[in-house]
């Protein structure tokens, strides 16, 4: 159980650091404006679905995790 607790605390710290980095950093230039990112504007509301941006971020994180796993 000790391993699970440490893992969850580490994951929480990483997510907190990533959230603070995104909050404090200026907007990333192309992220959110790629082809396939949907923005629907109607009277009174806006729906934003960053589909392509999510795929790009997911691929980058998967690649980083794979490289990290190989180095260990």
C-alpha atoms as a PDB file:
ATOM      1  CA  UNK A   1       0.000   0.000   0.000  1.00  0.00           C
ATOM      2  CA  UNK A   2       2.939   2.308   0.584  1.00  0.00           C
ATOM      3  CA  UNK A   3       3.870   2.154  -3.114  1.00  0.00           C
ATOM      4  CA  UNK A   4       0.340   3.134  -4.191  1.00  0.00           C
ATOM      5  CA  UNK A   5       0.274   6.094  -1.810  1.00  0.00           C
ATOM      6  CA  UNK A   6       3.622   7.409  -3.005  1.00  0.00           C
ATOM      7  CA  UNK A   7       2.585   6.934  -6.616  1.00  0.00           C
ATOM      8  CA  UNK A   8      -0.629   8.895  -6.141  1.00  0.00           C
ATOM      9  CA  UNK A   9       1.209  11.686  -4.319  1.00  0.00           C
ATOM     10  CA  UNK A  10       3.786  11.878  -7.107  1.00  0.00           C
ATOM     11  CA  UNK A  11       1.088  11.936  -9.767  1.00  0.00           C
ATOM     12  CA  UNK A  12      -0.721  14.699  -7.888  1.00  0.00           C
ATOM     13  CA  UNK A  13       2.458  16.760  -7.617  1.00  0.00           C
ATOM     14  CA  UNK A  14       3.158  16.345 -11.337  1.00  0.00           C
ATOM     15  CA  UNK A  15      -0.387  17.365 -12.259  1.00  0.00           C
ATOM     16  CA  UNK A  16      -0.189  20.368  -9.937  1.00  0.00           C
ATOM     17  CA  UNK A  17       3.117  21.466 -11.476  1.00  0.00           C
ATOM     18  CA  UNK A  18       1.734  21.036 -14.997  1.00  0.00           C
ATOM     19  CA  UNK A  19      -1.390  23.005 -14.121  1.00  0.00           C
ATOM     20  CA  UNK A  20       0.625  25.853 -12.643  1.00  0.00           C
ATOM     21  CA  UNK A  21       2.926  25.874 -15.666  1.00  0.00           C
ATOM     22  CA  UNK A  22      -0.010  26.158 -18.055  1.00  0.00           C
ATOM     23  CA  UNK A  23      -1.688  28.797 -15.913  1.00  0.00           C
ATOM     24  CA  UNK A  24       1.380  31.016 -15.612  1.00  0.00           C
ATOM     25  CA  UNK A  25       2.770  30.539 -19.115  1.00  0.00           C
ATOM     26  CA  UNK A  26       1.557  32.527 -22.114  1.00  0.00           C
ATOM     27  CA  UNK A  27      -0.791  30.769 -24.474  1.00  0.00           C
ATOM     28  CA  UNK A  28       0.949  28.055 -26.495  1.00  0.00           C
ATOM     29  CA  UNK A  29       0.955  29.298 -30.121  1.00  0.00           C
ATOM     30  CA  UNK A  30      -0.666  26.513 -32.180  1.00  0.00           C
ATOM     31  CA  UNK A  31      -2.390  24.537 -29.465  1.00  0.00           C
ATOM     32  CA  UNK A  32      -6.141  24.991 -29.798  1.00  0.00           C
ATOM     33  CA  UNK A  33      -5.941  26.388 -33.330  1.00  0.00           C
ATOM     34  CA  UNK A  34      -5.092  23.210 -35.221  1.00  0.00           C
ATOM     35  CA  UNK A  35      -7.305  21.833 -37.992  1.00  0.00           C
ATOM     36  CA  UNK A  36      -9.813  19.571 -36.290  1.00  0.00           C
ATOM     37  CA  UNK A  37     -10.230  21.752 -33.199  1.00  0.00           C
ATOM     38  CA  UNK A  38     -13.926  22.625 -33.192  1.00  0.00           C
ATOM     39  CA  UNK A  39     -15.376  25.912 -31.969  1.00  0.00           C
ATOM     40  CA  UNK A  40     -19.122  26.367 -32.234  1.00  0.00           C
ATOM     41  CA  UNK A  41     -20.469  29.829 -31.446  1.00  0.00           C
ATOM     42  CA  UNK A  42     -24.177  30.492 -31.091  1.00  0.00           C
ATOM     43  CA  UNK A  43     -26.155  33.229 -29.401  1.00  0.00           C
ATOM     44  CA  UNK A  44     -25.512  32.905 -25.698  1.00  0.00           C
ATOM     45  CA  UNK A  45     -22.934  30.124 -25.640  1.00  0.00           C
ATOM     46  CA  UNK A  46     -19.680  28.830 -27.108  1.00  0.00           C
ATOM     47  CA  UNK A  47     -18.668  25.153 -27.351  1.00  0.00           C
ATOM     48  CA  UNK A  48     -14.979  24.425 -27.798  1.00  0.00           C
ATOM     49  CA  UNK A  49     -13.733  20.904 -28.569  1.00  0.00           C
ATOM     50  CA  UNK A  50      -9.933  20.737 -29.015  1.00  0.00           C
ATOM     51  CA  UNK A  51      -9.899  17.252 -30.595  1.00  0.00           C
ATOM     52  CA  UNK A  52      -6.677  17.541 -32.613  1.00  0.00           C
ATOM     53  CA  UNK A  53      -4.834  19.371 -29.839  1.00  0.00           C
ATOM     54  CA  UNK A  54      -5.750  16.588 -27.396  1.00  0.00           C
ATOM     55  CA  UNK A  55      -4.404  13.978 -29.819  1.00  0.00           C
ATOM     56  CA  UNK A  56      -1.133  15.882 -30.233  1.00  0.00           C
ATOM     57  CA  UNK A  57      -0.670  16.296 -26.479  1.00  0.00           C
ATOM     58  CA  UNK A  58      -1.561  12.637 -25.890  1.00  0.00           C
ATOM     59  CA  UNK A  59       0.961  11.468 -28.499  1.00  0.00           C
ATOM     60  CA  UNK A  60       3.683  13.679 -26.994  1.00  0.00           C
ATOM     61  CA  UNK A  61       3.007  12.417 -23.468  1.00  0.00           C
ATOM     62  CA  UNK A  62       2.927   8.795 -24.667  1.00  0.00           C
ATOM     63  CA  UNK A  63       6.254   9.274 -26.423  1.00  0.00           C
ATOM     64  CA  UNK A  64       7.776  10.880 -23.327  1.00  0.00           C
ATOM     65  CA  UNK A  65       6.489   8.066 -21.099  1.00  0.00           C
ATOM     66  CA  UNK A  66       7.827   5.444 -23.492  1.00  0.00           C
ATOM     67  CA  UNK A  67      11.255   7.079 -23.575  1.00  0.00           C
ATOM     68  CA  UNK A  68      11.255   7.397 -19.781  1.00  0.00           C
ATOM     69  CA  UNK A  69      10.343   3.706 -19.402  1.00  0.00           C
ATOM     70  CA  UNK A  70      13.182   2.660 -21.706  1.00  0.00           C
ATOM     71  CA  UNK A  71      15.694   4.729 -19.750  1.00  0.00           C
ATOM     72  CA  UNK A  72      14.732   3.066 -16.477  1.00  0.00           C
END
